C-alpha atoms as a PDB file:
ATOM      1  CA  MET A   1      51.026 131.828 106.555  1.00  0.00           C
ATOM      2  CA  THR A   2      51.747 128.397 107.201  1.00  0.00           C
ATOM      3  CA  ALA A   3      48.974 125.691 106.078  1.00  0.00           C
ATOM      4  CA  GLU A   4      47.509 125.488 109.703  1.00  0.00           C
ATOM      5  CA  GLN A   5      47.448 129.602 109.687  1.00  0.00           C
ATOM      6  CA  LYS A   6      45.403 129.217 106.319  1.00  0.00           C
ATOM      7  CA  ALA A   7      42.856 126.688 107.397  1.00  0.00           C
ATOM      8  CA  ALA A   8      42.249 128.516 110.376  1.00  0.00           C
ATOM      9  CA  TYR A   9      41.950 131.516 108.594  1.00  0.00           C
ATOM     10  CA  ILE A  10      38.546 130.164 106.158  1.00  0.00           C
ATOM     11  CA  ILE A  11      37.524 128.422 109.414  1.00  0.00           C
ATOM     12  CA  ALA A  12      37.061 131.742 111.237  1.00  0.00           C
ATOM     13  CA  GLN A  13      35.927 133.239 107.856  1.00  0.00           C
ATOM     14  CA  ALA A  14      33.675 130.564 107.790  1.00  0.00           C
ATOM     15  CA  ALA A  15      32.220 131.472 111.087  1.00  0.00           C
ATOM     16  CA  CYS A  16      31.834 134.852 110.443  1.00  0.00           C
ATOM     17  CA  MET A  17      29.573 134.076 107.363  1.00  0.00           C
ATOM     18  CA  LEU A  18      27.684 131.622 109.422  1.00  0.00           C
ATOM     19  CA  ALA A  19      26.740 133.924 112.131  1.00  0.00           C
ATOM     20  CA  THR A  20      25.671 136.818 109.184  1.00  0.00           C
ATOM     21  CA  LEU A  21      24.086 134.300 107.397  1.00  0.00           C
ATOM     22  CA  GLU A  22      21.908 133.830 110.810  1.00  0.00           C
ATOM     23  CA  ALA A  23      21.160 137.470 111.269  1.00  0.00           C
ATOM     24  CA  MET A  24      19.725 137.159 107.362  1.00  0.00           C
ATOM     25  CA  LYS A  25      17.778 134.418 108.509  1.00  0.00           C
ATOM     26  CA  VAL A  26      16.071 136.033 111.560  1.00  0.00           C
ATOM     27  CA  GLU A  27      15.661 139.490 109.720  1.00  0.00           C
ATOM     28  CA  ASN A  28      13.181 137.186 106.596  1.00  0.00           C
ATOM     29  CA  ALA A  29      11.617 135.743 109.182  1.00  0.00           C
ATOM     30  CA  ASN A  30      10.776 139.342 111.364  1.00  0.00           C
ATOM     31  CA  CYS A  31      10.135 140.450 107.806  1.00  0.00           C
ATOM     32  CA  GLU A  32       7.604 138.017 107.298  1.00  0.00           C
ATOM     33  CA  SER A  33       5.897 138.382 110.520  1.00  0.00           C
ATOM     34  CA  GLN A  34       5.422 141.589 109.602  1.00  0.00           C
ATOM     35  CA  GLY A  35       4.115 141.022 106.313  1.00  0.00           C
ATOM     36  CA  ARG A  36       6.684 143.054 104.446  1.00  0.00           C
ATOM     37  CA  PRO A  37       8.940 141.344 101.686  1.00  0.00           C
ATOM     38  CA  GLN A  38      11.619 139.712 102.399  1.00  0.00           C
ATOM     39  CA  ALA A  39      14.898 141.794 103.245  1.00  0.00           C
ATOM     40  CA  TYR A  40      17.217 138.685 101.831  1.00  0.00           C
ATOM     41  CA  ASN A  41      17.178 137.076  98.560  1.00  0.00           C
ATOM     42  CA  SER A  42      18.542 133.721  97.331  1.00  0.00           C
ATOM     43  CA  LEU A  43      21.336 135.683  95.575  1.00  0.00           C
ATOM     44  CA  SER A  44      22.315 137.518  98.958  1.00  0.00           C
ATOM     45  CA  PHE A  45      22.564 134.384 100.867  1.00  0.00           C
ATOM     46  CA  SER A  46      24.568 132.918  97.428  1.00  0.00           C
ATOM     47  CA  ALA A  47      26.776 135.845  97.476  1.00  0.00           C
ATOM     48  CA  LEU A  48      28.332 135.142 101.111  1.00  0.00           C
ATOM     49  CA  SER A  49      30.730 133.141 100.169  1.00  0.00           C
ATOM     50  CA  GLU A  50      32.177 135.658  97.741  1.00  0.00           C
ATOM     51  CA  THR A  51      32.038 138.374 100.432  1.00  0.00           C
ATOM     52  CA  PHE A  52      33.589 136.622 102.600  1.00  0.00           C
ATOM     53  CA  GLY A  53      36.404 134.877 100.128  1.00  0.00           C
ATOM     54  CA  ILE A  54      35.821 131.403 101.190  1.00  0.00           C
ATOM     55  CA  HIS A  55      34.407 130.131  97.965  1.00  0.00           C
ATOM     56  CA  HIS A  56      35.839 127.057  96.135  1.00  0.00           C
ATOM     57  CA  ASN A  57      38.514 129.075  94.278  1.00  0.00           C
ATOM     58  CA  ALA A  58      39.610 131.436  96.768  1.00  0.00           C
ATOM     59  CA  ALA A  59      40.126 128.627  99.282  1.00  0.00           C
ATOM     60  CA  LEU A  60      42.127 126.353  96.652  1.00  0.00           C
ATOM     61  CA  GLY A  61      44.225 129.673  95.497  1.00  0.00           C
ATOM     62  CA  LEU A  62      44.860 130.622  99.433  1.00  0.00           C
ATOM     63  CA  PHE A  63      46.836 127.196  99.758  1.00  0.00           C
ATOM     64  CA  ASN A  64      48.354 127.434  96.237  1.00  0.00           C
ATOM     65  CA  GLU A  65      50.112 130.223  97.099  1.00  0.00           C
END
């Protein structure tokens, strides 16, 4: 991949991660409104960058191939 393609990949992954994050927030709000425990905790949110492979070291590694 070219540097531009790598950057586009990271941006696309970030967009997917953001969509997932927003869905998780909505689910937590739904749980709260129904008096149920939250479906996602802070660790769930923290794990998203790892899940989508866009954490700091992964992004640096992609450009240092």
